[in-house]
Amino acid sequence: MEMKSNCILLKSSPYRIVDDKTGEVNEGVSLRYIPFENLNPVQDELNPDNKGTETVKVSVPYSQLKNIKEVPALYSFTFKMTVDKDRKQVVKPVALEFLHTLSVSPSKQ
């Protein structure tokens, strides 16, 4: 099952790790993003002084690096339901598509 959602991509970091013993290669792209559909501030019951929206940290396949045109920007993420190593269902991003540049202008006061 696949789902799409627009997200603000804040950071992308490609990685490549080689296991010294087995030679197995683990590579991908680490992402930090904010889901765009819900920019409502997080309500922190334990610390009401906290303000803002939490970022999400995930990894996508290295092949998706070519789709990252610029950051920060608005992207359409494709998510897929999978099962993790503990046999729990999780929703993970598997692809992303550049939608629009983001720019921030200082407000005139």
PDB file of N, CA and C in Angstrom:
ATOM      1  N   MET A   1       0.836  -1.168   0.000  1.00  0.00           N
ATOM      2  CA  MET A   1       0.000   0.000   0.000  1.00  0.00           C
ATOM      3  C   MET A   1       0.890   1.244   0.000  1.00  0.00           C
ATOM      4  N   GLU A   2       0.673   2.149  -0.945  1.00  0.00           N
ATOM      5  CA  GLU A   2       1.448   3.380  -1.021  1.00  0.00           C
ATOM      6  C   GLU A   2       0.562   4.585  -0.750  1.00  0.00           C
ATOM      7  N   MET A   3       1.174   5.596  -0.127  1.00  0.00           N
ATOM      8  CA  MET A   3       0.482   6.849   0.160  1.00  0.00           C
ATOM      9  C   MET A   3       1.404   7.988  -0.242  1.00  0.00           C
ATOM     10  N   LYS A   4       0.833   9.127  -0.579  1.00  0.00           N
ATOM     11  CA  LYS A   4       1.633  10.314  -0.899  1.00  0.00           C
ATOM     12  C   LYS A   4       1.292  11.423   0.082  1.00  0.00           C
ATOM     13  N   SER A   5       2.315  12.236   0.377  1.00  0.00           N
ATOM     14  CA  SER A   5       2.130  13.361   1.280  1.00  0.00           C
ATOM     15  C   SER A   5       3.155  14.430   0.934  1.00  0.00           C
ATOM     16  N   ASN A   6       2.743  15.689   0.971  1.00  0.00           N
ATOM     17  CA  ASN A   6       3.675  16.779   0.747  1.00  0.00           C
ATOM     18  C   ASN A   6       4.425  17.089   2.036  1.00  0.00           C
ATOM     19  N   CYS A   7       5.735  17.311   1.898  1.00  0.00           N
ATOM     20  CA  CYS A   7       6.591  17.547   3.050  1.00  0.00           C
ATOM     21  C   CYS A   7       7.601  18.641   2.724  1.00  0.00           C
ATOM     22  N   ILE A   8       8.008  19.373   3.744  1.00  0.00           N
ATOM     23  CA  ILE A   8       9.069  20.358   3.585  1.00  0.00           C
ATOM     24  C   ILE A   8      10.375  19.670   3.945  1.00  0.00           C
ATOM     25  N   LEU A   9      11.227  19.476   2.954  1.00  0.00           N
ATOM     26  CA  LEU A   9      12.522  18.839   3.178  1.00  0.00           C
ATOM     27  C   LEU A   9      13.504  19.904   3.669  1.00  0.00           C
ATOM     28  N   LEU A  10      14.071  19.679   4.856  1.00  0.00           N
ATOM     29  CA  LEU A  10      14.965  20.646   5.482  1.00  0.00           C
ATOM     30  C   LEU A  10      16.433  20.291   5.331  1.00  0.00           C
ATOM     31  N   LYS A  11      16.730  18.991   5.217  1.00  0.00           N
ATOM     32  CA  LYS A  11      18.126  18.563   5.136  1.00  0.00           C
ATOM     33  C   LYS A  11      18.208  17.197   4.468  1.00  0.00           C
ATOM     34  N   SER A  12      19.253  17.005   3.660  1.00  0.00           N
ATOM     35  CA  SER A  12      19.527  15.678   3.095  1.00  0.00           C
ATOM     36  C   SER A  12      21.021  15.404   3.243  1.00  0.00           C
ATOM     37  N   SER A  13      21.347  14.182   3.655  1.00  0.00           N
ATOM     38  CA  SER A  13      22.743  13.783   3.858  1.00  0.00           C
ATOM     39  C   SER A  13      22.942  12.364   3.348  1.00  0.00           C
ATOM     40  N   PRO A  14      23.620  12.200   2.199  1.00  0.00           N
ATOM     41  CA  PRO A  14      23.900  10.841   1.722  1.00  0.00           C
ATOM     42  C   PRO A  14      24.932  10.176   2.622  1.00  0.00           C
ATOM     43  N   TYR A  15      24.815   8.865   2.755  1.00  0.00           N
ATOM     44  CA  TYR A  15      25.785   8.113   3.554  1.00  0.00           C
ATOM     45  C   TYR A  15      26.107   6.795   2.874  1.00  0.00           C
ATOM     46  N   ARG A  16      27.282   6.286   3.188  1.00  0.00           N
ATOM     47  CA  ARG A  16      27.737   4.981   2.688  1.00  0.00           C
ATOM     48  C   ARG A  16      28.638   4.395   3.762  1.00  0.00           C
ATOM     49  N   ILE A  17      28.222   3.282   4.338  1.00  0.00           N
ATOM     50  CA  ILE A  17      28.952   2.621   5.413  1.00  0.00           C
ATOM     51  C   ILE A  17      29.289   1.208   4.963  1.00  0.00           C
ATOM     52  N   VAL A  18      30.581   0.836   5.056  1.00  0.00           N
ATOM     53  CA  VAL A  18      31.026  -0.504   4.681  1.00  0.00           C
ATOM     54  C   VAL A  18      31.395  -1.255   5.957  1.00  0.00           C
ATOM     55  N   ASP A  19      30.790  -2.426   6.158  1.00  0.00           N
ATOM     56  CA  ASP A  19      31.104  -3.262   7.309  1.00  0.00           C
ATOM     57  C   ASP A  19      32.500  -3.852   7.132  1.00  0.00           C
ATOM     58  N   ASP A  20      33.392  -3.601   8.091  1.00  0.00           N
ATOM     59  CA  ASP A  20      34.778  -4.058   7.998  1.00  0.00           C
ATOM     60  C   ASP A  20      34.896  -5.580   7.938  1.00  0.00           C
ATOM     61  N   LYS A  21      34.001  -6.274   8.604  1.00  0.00           N
ATOM     62  CA  LYS A  21      34.100  -7.740   8.671  1.00  0.00           C
ATOM     63  C   LYS A  21      33.495  -8.419   7.455  1.00  0.00           C
ATOM     64  N   THR A  22      32.320  -7.966   7.061  1.00  0.00           N
ATOM     65  CA  THR A  22      31.609  -8.657   5.979  1.00  0.00           C
ATOM     66  C   THR A  22      31.757  -7.969   4.624  1.00  0.00           C
ATOM     67  N   GLY A  23      32.152  -6.701   4.625  1.00  0.00           N
ATOM     68  CA  GLY A  23      32.235  -5.951   3.384  1.00  0.00           C
ATOM     69  C   GLY A  23      30.881  -5.483   2.874  1.00  0.00           C
ATOM     70  N   GLU A  24      29.831  -5.771   3.648  1.00  0.00           N
ATOM     71  CA  GLU A  24      28.485  -5.374   3.252  1.00  0.00           C
ATOM     72  C   GLU A  24      28.375  -3.851   3.241  1.00  0.00           C
ATOM     73  N   VAL A  25      27.747  -3.325   2.195  1.00  0.00           N
ATOM     74  CA  VAL A  25      27.595  -1.879   2.034  1.00  0.00           C
ATOM     75  C   VAL A  25      26.183  -1.474   2.425  1.00  0.00           C
ATOM     76  N   ASN A  26      26.095  -0.468   3.272  1.00  0.00           N
ATOM     77  CA  ASN A  26      24.815   0.114   3.667  1.00  0.00           C
ATOM     78  C   ASN A  26      24.851   1.574   3.221  1.00  0.00           C
ATOM     79  N   GLU A  27      23.989   1.935   2.270  1.00  0.00           N
ATOM     80  CA  GLU A  27      23.986   3.307   1.784  1.00  0.00           C
ATOM     81  C   GLU A  27      22.564   3.804   1.636  1.00  0.00           C
ATOM     82  N   GLY A  28      22.436   5.107   1.702  1.00  0.00           N
ATOM     83  CA  GLY A  28      21.130   5.729   1.571  1.00  0.00           C
ATOM     84  C   GLY A  28      21.271   7.223   1.715  1.00  0.00           C
ATOM     85  N   VAL A  29      20.148   7.868   1.921  1.00  0.00           N
ATOM     86  CA  VAL A  29      20.127   9.307   2.135  1.00  0.00           C
ATOM     87  C   VAL A  29      19.291   9.575   3.382  1.00  0.00           C
ATOM     88  N   SER A  30      19.921  10.195   4.370  1.00  0.00           N
ATOM     89  CA  SER A  30      19.236  10.578   5.591  1.00  0.00           C
ATOM     90  C   SER A  30      18.530  11.905   5.344  1.00  0.00           C
ATOM     91  N   LEU A  31      17.257  11.987   5.743  1.00  0.00           N
ATOM     92  CA  LEU A  31      16.448  13.183   5.511  1.00  0.00           C
ATOM     93  C   LEU A  31      15.880  13.710   6.819  1.00  0.00           C
ATOM     94  N   ARG A  32      15.746  15.022   6.883  1.00  0.00           N
ATOM     95  CA  ARG A  32      14.993  15.692   7.947  1.00  0.00           C
ATOM     96  C   ARG A  32      13.889  16.475   7.253  1.00  0.00           C
ATOM     97  N   TYR A  33      12.636  16.263   7.686  1.00  0.00           N
ATOM     98  CA  TYR A  33      11.521  16.946   7.038  1.00  0.00           C
ATOM     99  C   TYR A  33      10.411  17.254   8.021  1.00  0.00           C
ATOM    100  N   ILE A  34       9.493  18.110   7.559  1.00  0.00           N
ATOM    101  CA  ILE A  34       8.280  18.420   8.304  1.00  0.00           C
ATOM    102  C   ILE A  34       7.106  18.049   7.408  1.00  0.00           C
ATOM    103  N   PRO A  35       6.173  17.233   7.912  1.00  0.00           N
ATOM    104  CA  PRO A  35       4.972  16.948   7.117  1.00  0.00           C
ATOM    105  C   PRO A  35       4.206  18.252   6.882  1.00  0.00           C
ATOM    106  N   PHE A  36       3.909  18.564   5.628  1.00  0.00           N
ATOM    107  CA  PHE A  36       3.319  19.848   5.253  1.00  0.00           C
ATOM    108  C   PHE A  36       1.841  19.940   5.594  1.00  0.00           C
ATOM    109  N   GLU A  37       1.149  18.819   5.611  1.00  0.00           N
ATOM    110  CA  GLU A  37      -0.296  18.852   5.849  1.00  0.00           C
ATOM    111  C   GLU A  37      -0.643  19.291   7.259  1.00  0.00           C
ATOM    112  N   ASN A  38       0.327  19.141   8.191  1.00  0.00           N
ATOM    113  CA  ASN A  38       0.038  19.501   9.569  1.00  0.00           C
ATOM    114  C   ASN A  38       1.195  20.312  10.136  1.00  0.00           C
ATOM    115  N   LEU A  39       1.094  21.614  10.024  1.00  0.00           N
ATOM    116  CA  LEU A  39       2.119  22.483  10.596  1.00  0.00           C
ATOM    117  C   LEU A  39       1.703  23.024  11.960  1.00  0.00           C
ATOM    118  N   ASN A  40       0.666  22.410  12.536  1.00  0.00           N
ATOM    119  CA  ASN A  40       0.231  22.843  13.855  1.00  0.00           C
ATOM    120  C   ASN A  40       1.332  22.572  14.882  1.00  0.00           C
ATOM    121  N   PRO A  41       1.537  23.512  15.800  1.00  0.00           N
ATOM    122  CA  PRO A  41       2.567  23.289  16.822  1.00  0.00           C
ATOM    123  C   PRO A  41       2.258  22.051  17.658  1.00  0.00           C
ATOM    124  N   VAL A  42       3.324  21.367  18.065  1.00  0.00           N
ATOM    125  CA  VAL A  42       3.192  20.203  18.929  1.00  0.00           C
ATOM    126  C   VAL A  42       2.874  20.685  20.340  1.00  0.00           C
ATOM    127  N   GLN A  43       1.870  20.089  20.968  1.00  0.00           N
ATOM    128  CA  GLN A  43       1.526  20.432  22.342  1.00  0.00           C
ATOM    129  C   GLN A  43       2.281  19.502  23.280  1.00  0.00           C
ATOM    130  N   ASP A  44       3.214  20.058  24.021  1.00  0.00           N
ATOM    131  CA  ASP A  44       4.034  19.271  24.938  1.00  0.00           C
ATOM    132  C   ASP A  44       3.482  19.430  26.347  1.00  0.00           C
ATOM    133  N   GLU A  45       2.797  18.392  26.825  1.00  0.00           N
ATOM    134  CA  GLU A  45       2.164  18.450  28.144  1.00  0.00           C
ATOM    135  C   GLU A  45       3.201  18.581  29.263  1.00  0.00           C
ATOM    136  N   LEU A  46       4.376  17.955  29.099  1.00  0.00           N
ATOM    137  CA  LEU A  46       5.396  17.986  30.141  1.00  0.00           C
ATOM    138  C   LEU A  46       6.144  19.305  30.194  1.00  0.00           C
ATOM    139  N   ASN A  47       6.271  19.974  29.034  1.00  0.00           N
ATOM    140  CA  ASN A  47       6.977  21.243  28.988  1.00  0.00           C
ATOM    141  C   ASN A  47       6.196  22.211  28.111  1.00  0.00           C
ATOM    142  N   PRO A  48       5.242  22.920  28.700  1.00  0.00           N
ATOM    143  CA  PRO A  48       4.387  23.809  27.911  1.00  0.00           C
ATOM    144  C   PRO A  48       5.142  24.987  27.284  1.00  0.00           C
ATOM    145  N   ASP A  49       6.396  25.219  27.693  1.00  0.00           N
ATOM    146  CA  ASP A  49       7.192  26.295  27.096  1.00  0.00           C
ATOM    147  C   ASP A  49       7.771  25.899  25.744  1.00  0.00           C
ATOM    148  N   ASN A  50       7.759  24.604  25.393  1.00  0.00           N
ATOM    149  CA  ASN A  50       8.234  24.168  24.077  1.00  0.00           C
ATOM    150  C   ASN A  50       7.292  24.699  23.009  1.00  0.00           C
ATOM    151  N   LYS A  51       7.883  25.186  21.912  1.00  0.00           N
ATOM    152  CA  LYS A  51       7.084  25.731  20.822  1.00  0.00           C
ATOM    153  C   LYS A  51       7.605  25.199  19.498  1.00  0.00           C
ATOM    154  N   GLY A  52       6.729  25.125  18.510  1.00  0.00           N
ATOM    155  CA  GLY A  52       7.160  24.725  17.181  1.00  0.00           C
ATOM    156  C   GLY A  52       6.656  23.365  16.765  1.00  0.00           C
ATOM    157  N   THR A  53       7.243  22.872  15.695  1.00  0.00           N
ATOM    158  CA  THR A  53       6.868  21.595  15.100  1.00  0.00           C
ATOM    159  C   THR A  53       8.091  20.697  15.059  1.00  0.00           C
ATOM    160  N   GLU A  54       7.934  19.447  15.421  1.00  0.00           N
ATOM    161  CA  GLU A  54       9.033  18.487  15.405  1.00  0.00           C
ATOM    162  C   GLU A  54       9.383  18.104  13.974  1.00  0.00           C
ATOM    163  N   THR A  55      10.668  17.886  13.734  1.00  0.00           N
ATOM    164  CA  THR A  55      11.086  17.352  12.449  1.00  0.00           C
ATOM    165  C   THR A  55      11.085  15.835  12.523  1.00  0.00           C
ATOM    166  N   VAL A  56      11.020  15.212  11.368  1.00  0.00           N
ATOM    167  CA  VAL A  56      11.056  13.753  11.264  1.00  0.00           C
ATOM    168  C   VAL A  56      12.381  13.384  10.607  1.00  0.00           C
ATOM    169  N   LYS A  57      13.048  12.354  11.133  1.00  0.00           N
ATOM    170  CA  LYS A  57      14.302  11.872  10.547  1.00  0.00           C
ATOM    171  C   LYS A  57      14.062  10.472   9.997  1.00  0.00           C
ATOM    172  N   VAL A  58      14.403  10.295   8.709  1.00  0.00           N
ATOM    173  CA  VAL A  58      14.227   9.000   8.041  1.00  0.00           C
ATOM    174  C   VAL A  58      15.358   8.805   7.037  1.00  0.00           C
ATOM    175  N   SER A  59      15.437   7.610   6.492  1.00  0.00           N
ATOM    176  CA  SER A  59      16.362   7.319   5.401  1.00  0.00           C
ATOM    177  C   SER A  59      15.576   6.823   4.205  1.00  0.00           C
ATOM    178  N   VAL A  60      16.065   7.194   3.016  1.00  0.00           N
ATOM    179  CA  VAL A  60      15.490   6.695   1.767  1.00  0.00           C
ATOM    180  C   VAL A  60      16.613   6.024   0.985  1.00  0.00           C
ATOM    181  N   PRO A  61      16.259   5.196   0.003  1.00  0.00           N
ATOM    182  CA  PRO A  61      17.289   4.546  -0.808  1.00  0.00           C
ATOM    183  C   PRO A  61      18.197   5.577  -1.488  1.00  0.00           C
ATOM    184  N   TYR A  62      19.463   5.218  -1.655  1.00  0.00           N
ATOM    185  CA  TYR A  62      20.460   6.100  -2.269  1.00  0.00           C
ATOM    186  C   TYR A  62      20.032   6.546  -3.660  1.00  0.00           C
ATOM    187  N   SER A  63      19.270   5.731  -4.341  1.00  0.00           N
ATOM    188  CA  SER A  63      18.812   6.063  -5.697  1.00  0.00           C
ATOM    189  C   SER A  63      17.943   7.323  -5.720  1.00  0.00           C
ATOM    190  N   GLN A  64      17.400   7.724  -4.563  1.00  0.00           N
ATOM    191  CA  GLN A  64      16.552   8.912  -4.495  1.00  0.00           C
ATOM    192  C   GLN A  64      17.343  10.216  -4.450  1.00  0.00           C
ATOM    193  N   LEU A  65      18.667  10.129  -4.277  1.00  0.00           N
ATOM    194  CA  LEU A  65      19.502  11.333  -4.220  1.00  0.00           C
ATOM    195  C   LEU A  65      19.338  12.190  -5.473  1.00  0.00           C
ATOM    196  N   LYS A  66      19.159  11.562  -6.614  1.00  0.00           N
ATOM    197  CA  LYS A  66      19.014  12.297  -7.882  1.00  0.00           C
ATOM    198  C   LYS A  66      17.739  13.134  -7.908  1.00  0.00           C
ATOM    199  N   ASN A  67      16.753  12.812  -7.073  1.00  0.00           N
ATOM    200  CA  ASN A  67      15.487  13.543  -7.042  1.00  0.00           C
ATOM    201  C   ASN A  67      15.525  14.756  -6.117  1.00  0.00           C
ATOM    202  N   ILE A  68      16.593  14.903  -5.366  1.00  0.00           N
ATOM    203  CA  ILE A  68      16.710  16.028  -4.439  1.00  0.00           C
ATOM    204  C   ILE A  68      17.376  17.181  -5.186  1.00  0.00           C
ATOM    205  N   LYS A  69      16.564  18.122  -5.632  1.00  0.00           N
ATOM    206  CA  LYS A  69      17.041  19.237  -6.461  1.00  0.00           C
ATOM    207  C   LYS A  69      17.617  20.365  -5.613  1.00  0.00           C
ATOM    208  N   GLU A  70      16.937  20.706  -4.537  1.00  0.00           N
ATOM    209  CA  GLU A  70      17.416  21.735  -3.624  1.00  0.00           C
ATOM    210  C   GLU A  70      16.734  21.575  -2.269  1.00  0.00           C
ATOM    211  N   VAL A  71      17.360  22.183  -1.273  1.00  0.00           N
ATOM    212  CA  VAL A  71      16.862  22.087   0.098  1.00  0.00           C
ATOM    213  C   VAL A  71      17.120  23.434   0.763  1.00  0.00           C
ATOM    214  N   PRO A  72      16.183  23.997   1.494  1.00  0.00           N
ATOM    215  CA  PRO A  72      14.835  23.489   1.770  1.00  0.00           C
ATOM    216  C   PRO A  72      13.916  23.683   0.570  1.00  0.00           C
ATOM    217  N   ALA A  73      12.949  22.796   0.480  1.00  0.00           N
ATOM    218  CA  ALA A  73      11.983  22.864  -0.616  1.00  0.00           C
ATOM    219  C   ALA A  73      10.798  21.958  -0.281  1.00  0.00           C
ATOM    220  N   LEU A  74       9.746  22.099  -1.073  1.00  0.00           N
ATOM    221  CA  LEU A  74       8.555  21.276  -0.917  1.00  0.00           C
ATOM    222  C   LEU A  74       8.677  20.069  -1.839  1.00  0.00           C
ATOM    223  N   TYR A  75       8.455  18.877  -1.278  1.00  0.00           N
ATOM    224  CA  TYR A  75       8.536  17.623  -2.025  1.00  0.00           C
ATOM    225  C   TYR A  75       7.280  16.795  -1.791  1.00  0.00           C
ATOM    226  N   SER A  76       6.961  15.971  -2.765  1.00  0.00           N
ATOM    227  CA  SER A  76       5.934  14.954  -2.598  1.00  0.00           C
ATOM    228  C   SER A  76       6.649  13.659  -2.209  1.00  0.00           C
ATOM    229  N   PHE A  77       6.350  13.155  -1.029  1.00  0.00           N
ATOM    230  CA  PHE A  77       6.940  11.901  -0.553  1.00  0.00           C
ATOM    231  C   PHE A  77       5.978  10.760  -0.849  1.00  0.00           C
ATOM    232  N   THR A  78       6.516   9.637  -1.302  1.00  0.00           N
ATOM    233  CA  THR A  78       5.743   8.411  -1.448  1.00  0.00           C
ATOM    234  C   THR A  78       6.113   7.501  -0.284  1.00  0.00           C
ATOM    235  N   PHE A  79       5.117   7.105   0.493  1.00  0.00           N
ATOM    236  CA  PHE A  79       5.324   6.239   1.651  1.00  0.00           C
ATOM    237  C   PHE A  79       4.775   4.853   1.365  1.00  0.00           C
ATOM    238  N   LYS A  80       5.414   3.857   1.953  1.00  0.00           N
ATOM    239  CA  LYS A  80       4.974   2.475   1.782  1.00  0.00           C
ATOM    240  C   LYS A  80       4.914   1.805   3.150  1.00  0.00           C
ATOM    241  N   MET A  81       3.890   0.997   3.345  1.00  0.00           N
ATOM    242  CA  MET A  81       3.749   0.229   4.582  1.00  0.00           C
ATOM    243  C   MET A  81       4.668  -0.981   4.491  1.00  0.00           C
ATOM    244  N   THR A  82       5.559  -1.135   5.484  1.00  0.00           N
ATOM    245  CA  THR A  82       6.474  -2.276   5.519  1.00  0.00           C
ATOM    246  C   THR A  82       6.486  -2.864   6.921  1.00  0.00           C
ATOM    247  N   VAL A  83       7.254  -3.920   7.084  1.00  0.00           N
ATOM    248  CA  VAL A  83       7.428  -4.560   8.388  1.00  0.00           C
ATOM    249  C   VAL A  83       8.889  -4.408   8.780  1.00  0.00           C
ATOM    250  N   ASP A  84       9.144  -3.928  10.011  1.00  0.00           N
ATOM    251  CA  ASP A  84      10.524  -3.734  10.454  1.00  0.00           C
ATOM    252  C   ASP A  84      11.115  -5.028  11.008  1.00  0.00           C
ATOM    253  N   LYS A  85      12.350  -4.948  11.508  1.00  0.00           N
ATOM    254  CA  LYS A  85      13.054  -6.145  11.995  1.00  0.00           C
ATOM    255  C   LYS A  85      12.370  -6.789  13.185  1.00  0.00           C
ATOM    256  N   ASP A  86      11.542  -6.020  13.921  1.00  0.00           N
ATOM    257  CA  ASP A  86      10.809  -6.559  15.068  1.00  0.00           C
ATOM    258  C   ASP A  86       9.409  -7.031  14.679  1.00  0.00           C
ATOM    259  N   ARG A  87       9.164  -7.092  13.354  1.00  0.00           N
ATOM    260  CA  ARG A  87       7.891  -7.549  12.796  1.00  0.00           C
ATOM    261  C   ARG A  87       6.742  -6.586  13.117  1.00  0.00           C
ATOM    262  N   LYS A  88       7.061  -5.291  13.276  1.00  0.00           N
ATOM    263  CA  LYS A  88       6.044  -4.270  13.492  1.00  0.00           C
ATOM    264  C   LYS A  88       5.822  -3.531  12.181  1.00  0.00           C
ATOM    265  N   GLN A  89       4.563  -3.182  11.924  1.00  0.00           N
ATOM    266  CA  GLN A  89       4.264  -2.415  10.716  1.00  0.00           C
ATOM    267  C   GLN A  89       4.719  -0.977  10.895  1.00  0.00           C
ATOM    268  N   VAL A  90       5.387  -0.456   9.876  1.00  0.00           N
ATOM    269  CA  VAL A  90       5.838   0.929   9.872  1.00  0.00           C
ATOM    270  C   VAL A  90       5.576   1.525   8.493  1.00  0.00           C
ATOM    271  N   VAL A  91       5.415   2.835   8.460  1.00  0.00           N
ATOM    272  CA  VAL A  91       5.243   3.553   7.200  1.00  0.00           C
ATOM    273  C   VAL A  91       6.560   4.264   6.927  1.00  0.00           C
ATOM    274  N   LYS A  92       7.190   3.943   5.786  1.00  0.00           N
ATOM    275  CA  LYS A  92       8.496   4.499   5.450  1.00  0.00           C
ATOM    276  C   LYS A  92       8.451   5.180   4.091  1.00  0.00           C
ATOM    277  N   PRO A  93       9.177   6.301   3.951  1.00  0.00           N
ATOM    278  CA  PRO A  93       9.257   6.914   2.632  1.00  0.00           C
ATOM    279  C   PRO A  93      10.137   6.076   1.709  1.00  0.00           C
ATOM    280  N   VAL A  94       9.725   5.936   0.474  1.00  0.00           N
ATOM    281  CA  VAL A  94      10.496   5.158  -0.499  1.00  0.00           C
ATOM    282  C   VAL A  94      10.908   5.992  -1.708  1.00  0.00           C
ATOM    283  N   ALA A  95      10.258   7.154  -1.878  1.00  0.00           N
ATOM    284  CA  ALA A  95      10.596   8.016  -3.020  1.00  0.00           C
ATOM    285  C   ALA A  95      10.162   9.435  -2.708  1.00  0.00           C
ATOM    286  N   LEU A  96      10.788  10.389  -3.422  1.00  0.00           N
ATOM    287  CA  LEU A  96      10.371  11.768  -3.295  1.00  0.00           C
ATOM    288  C   LEU A  96      10.506  12.481  -4.625  1.00  0.00           C
ATOM    289  N   GLU A  97       9.651  13.497  -4.792  1.00  0.00           N
ATOM    290  CA  GLU A  97       9.621  14.257  -6.033  1.00  0.00           C
ATOM    291  C   GLU A  97       9.600  15.745  -5.689  1.00  0.00           C
ATOM    292  N   PHE A  98      10.507  16.502  -6.302  1.00  0.00           N
ATOM    293  CA  PHE A  98      10.596  17.943  -6.081  1.00  0.00           C
ATOM    294  C   PHE A  98       9.337  18.624  -6.603  1.00  0.00           C
ATOM    295  N   LEU A  99       8.754  19.507  -5.783  1.00  0.00           N
ATOM    296  CA  LEU A  99       7.563  20.245  -6.201  1.00  0.00           C
ATOM    297  C   LEU A  99       7.819  21.739  -6.363  1.00  0.00           C
ATOM    298  N   HIS A 100       8.463  22.351  -5.355  1.00  0.00           N
ATOM    299  CA  HIS A 100       8.551  23.806  -5.372  1.00  0.00           C
ATOM    300  C   HIS A 100       9.652  24.295  -4.436  1.00  0.00           C
ATOM    301  N   THR A 101      10.305  25.362  -4.856  1.00  0.00           N
ATOM    302  CA  THR A 101      11.307  26.022  -4.035  1.00  0.00           C
ATOM    303  C   THR A 101      10.615  26.763  -2.885  1.00  0.00           C
ATOM    304  N   LEU A 102      11.285  26.822  -1.761  1.00  0.00           N
ATOM    305  CA  LEU A 102      10.789  27.620  -0.637  1.00  0.00           C
ATOM    306  C   LEU A 102      11.703  28.811  -0.449  1.00  0.00           C
ATOM    307  N   SER A 103      11.106  29.945  -0.157  1.00  0.00           N
ATOM    308  CA  SER A 103      11.924  31.109   0.159  1.00  0.00           C
ATOM    309  C   SER A 103      11.282  31.832   1.328  1.00  0.00           C
ATOM    310  N   VAL A 104      12.128  32.416   2.140  1.00  0.00           N
ATOM    311  CA  VAL A 104      11.663  33.144   3.312  1.00  0.00           C
ATOM    312  C   VAL A 104      12.123  34.576   3.164  1.00  0.00           C
ATOM    313  N   SER A 105      11.191  35.490   3.273  1.00  0.00           N
ATOM    314  CA  SER A 105      11.517  36.907   3.180  1.00  0.00           C
ATOM    315  C   SER A 105      11.295  37.546   4.538  1.00  0.00           C
ATOM    316  N   PRO A 106      12.171  38.466   4.920  1.00  0.00           N
ATOM    317  CA  PRO A 106      11.946  39.158   6.190  1.00  0.00           C
ATOM    318  C   PRO A 106      10.643  39.961   6.124  1.00  0.00           C
ATOM    319  N   SER A 107       9.935  39.973   7.226  1.00  0.00           N
ATOM    320  CA  SER A 107       8.684  40.729   7.245  1.00  0.00           C
ATOM    321  C   SER A 107       8.988  42.211   7.384  1.00  0.00           C
ATOM    322  N   LYS A 108       8.159  43.023   6.764  1.00  0.00           N
ATOM    323  CA  LYS A 108       8.309  44.473   6.871  1.00  0.00           C
ATOM    324  C   LYS A 108       7.520  44.938   8.067  1.00  0.00           C
ATOM    325  N   GLN A 109       8.193  45.641   8.936  1.00  0.00           N
ATOM    326  CA  GLN A 109       7.516  46.088  10.164  1.00  0.00           C
ATOM    327  C   GLN A 109       7.433  47.574  10.247  1.00  0.00           C
TER     328      GLN A 109
END
